[in-house]
């Protein structure tokens, strides 16, 4: 994983680490690509967490603190920002499959 803010979050947040473990197990038979798939999913989750922290103004928030009904709109908006190249136009999603939340 490239060393940056996203990778630091991906490698330290317990729920994202669990997601990575799940992806490794899910792709156990694909030894050539499982590392890339896992890293990609973990980085996307970390990006989502970064956007959620900005949207909620809670700089050290973790998913467990934000997984409550009152933050549903933030998750909705955060997932669109994560998957979108141009947030102003919902129809112009860069990678809709990445909006997994």
N, C-alpha and C. Protein backbone atom coordinates (compact mmCIF):
# COMPACT_ATOMS: atom_id res chain seq x y z
N UNK A 1 0.84 -1.18 0.00
CA UNK A 1 0.00 0.00 0.00
C UNK A 1 0.89 1.25 0.00
N UNK A 2 0.53 2.21 -0.80
CA UNK A 2 1.25 3.47 -0.82
C UNK A 2 1.16 4.14 0.54
N UNK A 3 2.26 4.66 1.02
CA UNK A 3 2.29 5.31 2.34
C UNK A 3 1.70 6.71 2.23
N UNK A 4 0.51 6.89 2.77
CA UNK A 4 -0.15 8.19 2.81
C UNK A 4 -1.19 8.17 3.92
N UNK A 5 -1.96 9.23 4.03
CA UNK A 5 -2.98 9.30 5.08
C UNK A 5 -3.99 8.17 4.97
N UNK A 6 -4.37 7.84 3.74
CA UNK A 6 -5.36 6.80 3.51
C UNK A 6 -4.83 5.45 4.00
N UNK A 7 -3.59 5.12 3.66
CA UNK A 7 -3.03 3.82 4.08
C UNK A 7 -2.84 3.76 5.59
N UNK A 8 -2.48 4.88 6.20
CA UNK A 8 -2.32 4.91 7.65
C UNK A 8 -3.64 4.58 8.34
N UNK A 9 -4.72 5.17 7.86
CA UNK A 9 -6.04 4.89 8.43
C UNK A 9 -6.43 3.45 8.15
N UNK A 10 -6.21 2.99 6.92
CA UNK A 10 -6.58 1.62 6.55
C UNK A 10 -5.86 0.58 7.40
N UNK A 11 -4.65 0.88 7.82
CA UNK A 11 -3.86 -0.09 8.57
C UNK A 11 -4.00 0.05 10.08
N UNK A 12 -4.77 1.02 10.56
CA UNK A 12 -4.89 1.20 12.00
C UNK A 12 -6.32 1.07 12.53
N UNK A 13 -7.32 1.27 11.70
CA UNK A 13 -8.72 1.20 12.14
C UNK A 13 -9.16 -0.26 12.14
N UNK A 14 -9.59 -0.75 13.28
CA UNK A 14 -9.89 -2.18 13.45
C UNK A 14 -10.96 -2.69 12.48
N UNK A 15 -12.00 -1.92 12.24
CA UNK A 15 -13.06 -2.37 11.35
C UNK A 15 -12.56 -2.48 9.90
N UNK A 16 -11.67 -1.60 9.50
CA UNK A 16 -11.11 -1.67 8.15
C UNK A 16 -10.16 -2.87 8.05
N UNK A 17 -9.42 -3.15 9.10
CA UNK A 17 -8.55 -4.33 9.12
C UNK A 17 -9.40 -5.60 9.00
N UNK A 18 -10.52 -5.63 9.70
CA UNK A 18 -11.43 -6.78 9.60
C UNK A 18 -11.97 -6.93 8.18
N UNK A 19 -12.29 -5.81 7.55
CA UNK A 19 -12.73 -5.83 6.16
C UNK A 19 -11.64 -6.43 5.27
N UNK A 20 -10.39 -6.02 5.50
CA UNK A 20 -9.27 -6.57 4.74
C UNK A 20 -9.12 -8.06 4.93
N UNK A 21 -9.27 -8.53 6.16
CA UNK A 21 -9.19 -9.97 6.42
C UNK A 21 -10.29 -10.72 5.69
N UNK A 22 -11.50 -10.14 5.67
CA UNK A 22 -12.60 -10.77 4.96
C UNK A 22 -12.30 -10.88 3.46
N UNK A 23 -11.74 -9.81 2.88
CA UNK A 23 -11.42 -9.83 1.45
C UNK A 23 -10.30 -10.81 1.14
N UNK A 24 -9.34 -10.95 2.04
CA UNK A 24 -8.29 -11.95 1.83
C UNK A 24 -8.88 -13.35 1.81
N UNK A 25 -9.78 -13.64 2.74
CA UNK A 25 -10.41 -14.97 2.78
C UNK A 25 -11.31 -15.19 1.56
N UNK A 26 -12.02 -14.14 1.17
CA UNK A 26 -12.93 -14.25 0.04
C UNK A 26 -12.17 -14.55 -1.26
N UNK A 27 -10.96 -14.06 -1.35
CA UNK A 27 -10.15 -14.25 -2.56
C UNK A 27 -8.96 -15.19 -2.33
N UNK A 28 -9.13 -16.12 -1.42
CA UNK A 28 -8.03 -17.03 -1.07
C UNK A 28 -7.52 -17.82 -2.27
N UNK A 29 -8.38 -18.16 -3.18
CA UNK A 29 -7.97 -18.95 -4.35
C UNK A 29 -7.27 -18.14 -5.42
N UNK A 30 -7.35 -16.84 -5.35
CA UNK A 30 -6.77 -15.98 -6.38
C UNK A 30 -5.49 -15.33 -5.82
N UNK A 31 -4.43 -16.10 -5.75
CA UNK A 31 -3.20 -15.62 -5.11
C UNK A 31 -2.56 -14.46 -5.86
N UNK A 32 -2.83 -14.32 -7.16
CA UNK A 32 -2.21 -13.24 -7.92
C UNK A 32 -2.86 -11.88 -7.66
N UNK A 33 -4.15 -11.86 -7.42
CA UNK A 33 -4.87 -10.59 -7.31
C UNK A 33 -5.41 -10.28 -5.92
N UNK A 34 -5.40 -11.24 -5.00
CA UNK A 34 -6.06 -11.00 -3.71
C UNK A 34 -5.47 -9.82 -2.94
N UNK A 35 -4.17 -9.62 -3.06
CA UNK A 35 -3.53 -8.49 -2.38
C UNK A 35 -4.07 -7.17 -2.93
N UNK A 36 -4.20 -7.09 -4.25
CA UNK A 36 -4.70 -5.86 -4.87
C UNK A 36 -6.16 -5.61 -4.53
N UNK A 37 -6.99 -6.66 -4.57
CA UNK A 37 -8.40 -6.52 -4.23
C UNK A 37 -8.55 -6.05 -2.79
N UNK A 38 -7.82 -6.68 -1.90
CA UNK A 38 -7.91 -6.36 -0.48
C UNK A 38 -7.46 -4.93 -0.21
N UNK A 39 -6.32 -4.56 -0.77
CA UNK A 39 -5.79 -3.21 -0.58
C UNK A 39 -6.77 -2.17 -1.11
N UNK A 40 -7.35 -2.44 -2.26
CA UNK A 40 -8.30 -1.50 -2.87
C UNK A 40 -9.52 -1.29 -1.98
N UNK A 41 -10.07 -2.36 -1.46
CA UNK A 41 -11.25 -2.25 -0.60
C UNK A 41 -10.92 -1.52 0.70
N UNK A 42 -9.76 -1.82 1.27
CA UNK A 42 -9.36 -1.16 2.51
C UNK A 42 -9.14 0.33 2.30
N UNK A 43 -8.54 0.70 1.17
CA UNK A 43 -8.30 2.11 0.87
C UNK A 43 -9.62 2.85 0.64
N UNK A 44 -10.58 2.21 -0.02
CA UNK A 44 -11.89 2.84 -0.23
C UNK A 44 -12.59 3.07 1.10
N UNK A 45 -12.52 2.10 2.00
CA UNK A 45 -13.13 2.27 3.32
C UNK A 45 -12.45 3.39 4.08
N UNK A 46 -11.13 3.50 3.97
CA UNK A 46 -10.40 4.57 4.64
C UNK A 46 -10.78 5.93 4.06
N UNK A 47 -10.93 6.01 2.74
CA UNK A 47 -11.37 7.27 2.12
C UNK A 47 -12.76 7.66 2.62
N UNK A 48 -13.64 6.68 2.72
CA UNK A 48 -14.98 6.96 3.24
C UNK A 48 -14.88 7.50 4.66
N UNK A 49 -14.06 6.91 5.49
CA UNK A 49 -13.90 7.38 6.86
C UNK A 49 -13.36 8.81 6.90
N UNK A 50 -12.44 9.13 6.02
CA UNK A 50 -11.90 10.49 5.95
C UNK A 50 -13.02 11.48 5.62
N UNK A 51 -13.85 11.14 4.64
CA UNK A 51 -14.96 12.03 4.29
C UNK A 51 -15.97 12.13 5.42
N UNK A 52 -16.24 11.02 6.09
CA UNK A 52 -17.17 11.05 7.23
C UNK A 52 -16.65 11.94 8.35
N UNK A 53 -15.36 11.88 8.58
CA UNK A 53 -14.77 12.75 9.61
C UNK A 53 -14.95 14.22 9.26
N UNK A 54 -14.80 14.54 7.98
CA UNK A 54 -14.98 15.92 7.55
C UNK A 54 -16.45 16.35 7.64
N UNK A 55 -17.35 15.45 7.22
CA UNK A 55 -18.77 15.78 7.23
C UNK A 55 -19.32 15.95 8.64
N UNK A 56 -18.80 15.19 9.59
CA UNK A 56 -19.31 15.24 10.96
C UNK A 56 -18.51 16.17 11.86
N UNK A 57 -17.41 16.68 11.37
CA UNK A 57 -16.51 17.52 12.17
C UNK A 57 -16.01 16.80 13.42
N UNK A 58 -15.79 15.50 13.29
CA UNK A 58 -15.22 14.69 14.37
C UNK A 58 -13.91 14.11 13.84
N UNK A 59 -12.78 14.80 14.04
CA UNK A 59 -11.53 14.41 13.38
C UNK A 59 -10.99 13.03 13.74
N UNK A 60 -11.31 12.51 14.90
CA UNK A 60 -10.77 11.20 15.31
C UNK A 60 -11.84 10.11 15.32
N UNK A 61 -12.96 10.35 14.65
CA UNK A 61 -14.07 9.39 14.66
C UNK A 61 -13.66 8.08 14.01
N UNK A 62 -14.26 7.00 14.48
CA UNK A 62 -14.09 5.70 13.87
C UNK A 62 -15.47 5.20 13.45
N UNK A 63 -15.51 4.19 12.58
CA UNK A 63 -16.79 3.72 12.06
C UNK A 63 -17.76 3.33 13.18
N UNK A 64 -17.26 2.68 14.21
CA UNK A 64 -18.14 2.21 15.29
C UNK A 64 -18.91 3.37 15.93
N UNK A 65 -18.29 4.54 16.01
CA UNK A 65 -18.95 5.71 16.58
C UNK A 65 -19.95 6.33 15.62
N UNK A 66 -19.72 6.14 14.33
CA UNK A 66 -20.57 6.78 13.33
C UNK A 66 -21.68 5.88 12.81
N UNK A 67 -21.64 4.59 13.15
CA UNK A 67 -22.66 3.66 12.68
C UNK A 67 -23.91 3.73 13.56
N UNK A 68 -24.55 4.89 13.52
CA UNK A 68 -25.79 5.10 14.25
C UNK A 68 -26.76 5.81 13.31
N UNK A 69 -28.06 5.64 13.52
CA UNK A 69 -29.04 6.22 12.59
C UNK A 69 -28.89 7.72 12.35
N UNK A 70 -28.46 8.47 13.34
CA UNK A 70 -28.36 9.92 13.15
C UNK A 70 -27.28 10.31 12.14
N UNK A 71 -26.38 9.40 11.80
CA UNK A 71 -25.33 9.68 10.82
C UNK A 71 -25.62 9.06 9.46
N UNK A 72 -26.84 8.56 9.25
CA UNK A 72 -27.17 7.92 7.98
C UNK A 72 -26.94 8.86 6.80
N UNK A 73 -27.39 10.10 6.92
CA UNK A 73 -27.22 11.06 5.82
C UNK A 73 -25.74 11.32 5.54
N UNK A 74 -24.92 11.32 6.59
CA UNK A 74 -23.49 11.51 6.39
C UNK A 74 -22.88 10.32 5.64
N UNK A 75 -23.31 9.11 5.96
CA UNK A 75 -22.82 7.93 5.23
C UNK A 75 -23.26 7.98 3.78
N UNK A 76 -24.49 8.40 3.55
CA UNK A 76 -25.01 8.52 2.19
C UNK A 76 -24.17 9.51 1.39
N UNK A 77 -23.99 10.69 1.94
CA UNK A 77 -23.21 11.73 1.27
C UNK A 77 -21.74 11.31 1.13
N UNK A 78 -21.17 10.72 2.18
CA UNK A 78 -19.78 10.28 2.14
C UNK A 78 -19.53 9.22 1.10
N UNK A 79 -20.46 8.27 0.95
CA UNK A 79 -20.28 7.23 -0.06
C UNK A 79 -20.37 7.80 -1.46
N UNK A 80 -21.25 8.79 -1.67
CA UNK A 80 -21.33 9.43 -2.98
C UNK A 80 -20.05 10.22 -3.28
N UNK A 81 -19.52 10.91 -2.29
CA UNK A 81 -18.27 11.65 -2.49
C UNK A 81 -17.13 10.68 -2.80
N UNK A 82 -17.08 9.57 -2.08
CA UNK A 82 -16.02 8.58 -2.29
C UNK A 82 -16.06 8.01 -3.70
N UNK A 83 -17.25 7.76 -4.21
CA UNK A 83 -17.39 7.11 -5.52
C UNK A 83 -17.50 8.09 -6.67
N UNK A 84 -17.58 9.38 -6.40
CA UNK A 84 -17.89 10.35 -7.44
C UNK A 84 -16.69 11.23 -7.77
N UNK A 85 -16.54 11.49 -9.06
CA UNK A 85 -15.53 12.45 -9.46
C UNK A 85 -16.07 13.87 -9.41
N UNK A 86 -17.38 14.02 -9.55
CA UNK A 86 -18.03 15.33 -9.52
C UNK A 86 -19.28 15.21 -8.66
N UNK A 87 -19.16 15.57 -7.37
CA UNK A 87 -20.25 15.35 -6.42
C UNK A 87 -21.50 16.15 -6.78
N UNK A 88 -21.38 17.24 -7.51
CA UNK A 88 -22.55 18.05 -7.85
C UNK A 88 -23.50 17.34 -8.81
N UNK A 89 -22.99 16.34 -9.53
CA UNK A 89 -23.81 15.63 -10.50
C UNK A 89 -23.86 14.16 -10.12
N UNK A 90 -24.94 13.73 -9.46
CA UNK A 90 -25.06 12.35 -9.00
C UNK A 90 -25.04 11.34 -10.14
N UNK A 91 -25.44 11.76 -11.34
CA UNK A 91 -25.48 10.84 -12.48
C UNK A 91 -24.09 10.59 -13.05
N UNK A 92 -23.12 11.39 -12.66
CA UNK A 92 -21.77 11.28 -13.20
C UNK A 92 -20.84 10.57 -12.21
N UNK A 93 -21.31 9.45 -11.66
CA UNK A 93 -20.48 8.70 -10.72
C UNK A 93 -19.32 8.05 -11.48
N UNK A 94 -18.14 8.27 -10.95
CA UNK A 94 -16.94 7.69 -11.58
C UNK A 94 -16.95 6.18 -11.46
N UNK A 95 -17.20 5.67 -10.28
CA UNK A 95 -17.18 4.23 -10.03
C UNK A 95 -18.34 3.85 -9.11
N UNK A 96 -19.54 3.69 -9.66
CA UNK A 96 -20.68 3.41 -8.79
C UNK A 96 -20.52 2.13 -7.97
N UNK A 97 -19.75 1.17 -8.46
CA UNK A 97 -19.56 -0.06 -7.69
C UNK A 97 -18.78 0.19 -6.41
N UNK A 98 -18.08 1.33 -6.31
CA UNK A 98 -17.32 1.64 -5.12
C UNK A 98 -18.19 2.23 -4.03
N UNK A 99 -19.40 2.61 -4.35
CA UNK A 99 -20.32 3.16 -3.34
C UNK A 99 -20.99 2.00 -2.63
N UNK A 100 -20.23 1.26 -1.84
CA UNK A 100 -20.69 0.01 -1.24
C UNK A 100 -21.38 0.19 0.09
N UNK A 101 -21.45 1.38 0.58
CA UNK A 101 -22.11 1.58 1.88
C UNK A 101 -23.58 1.79 1.67
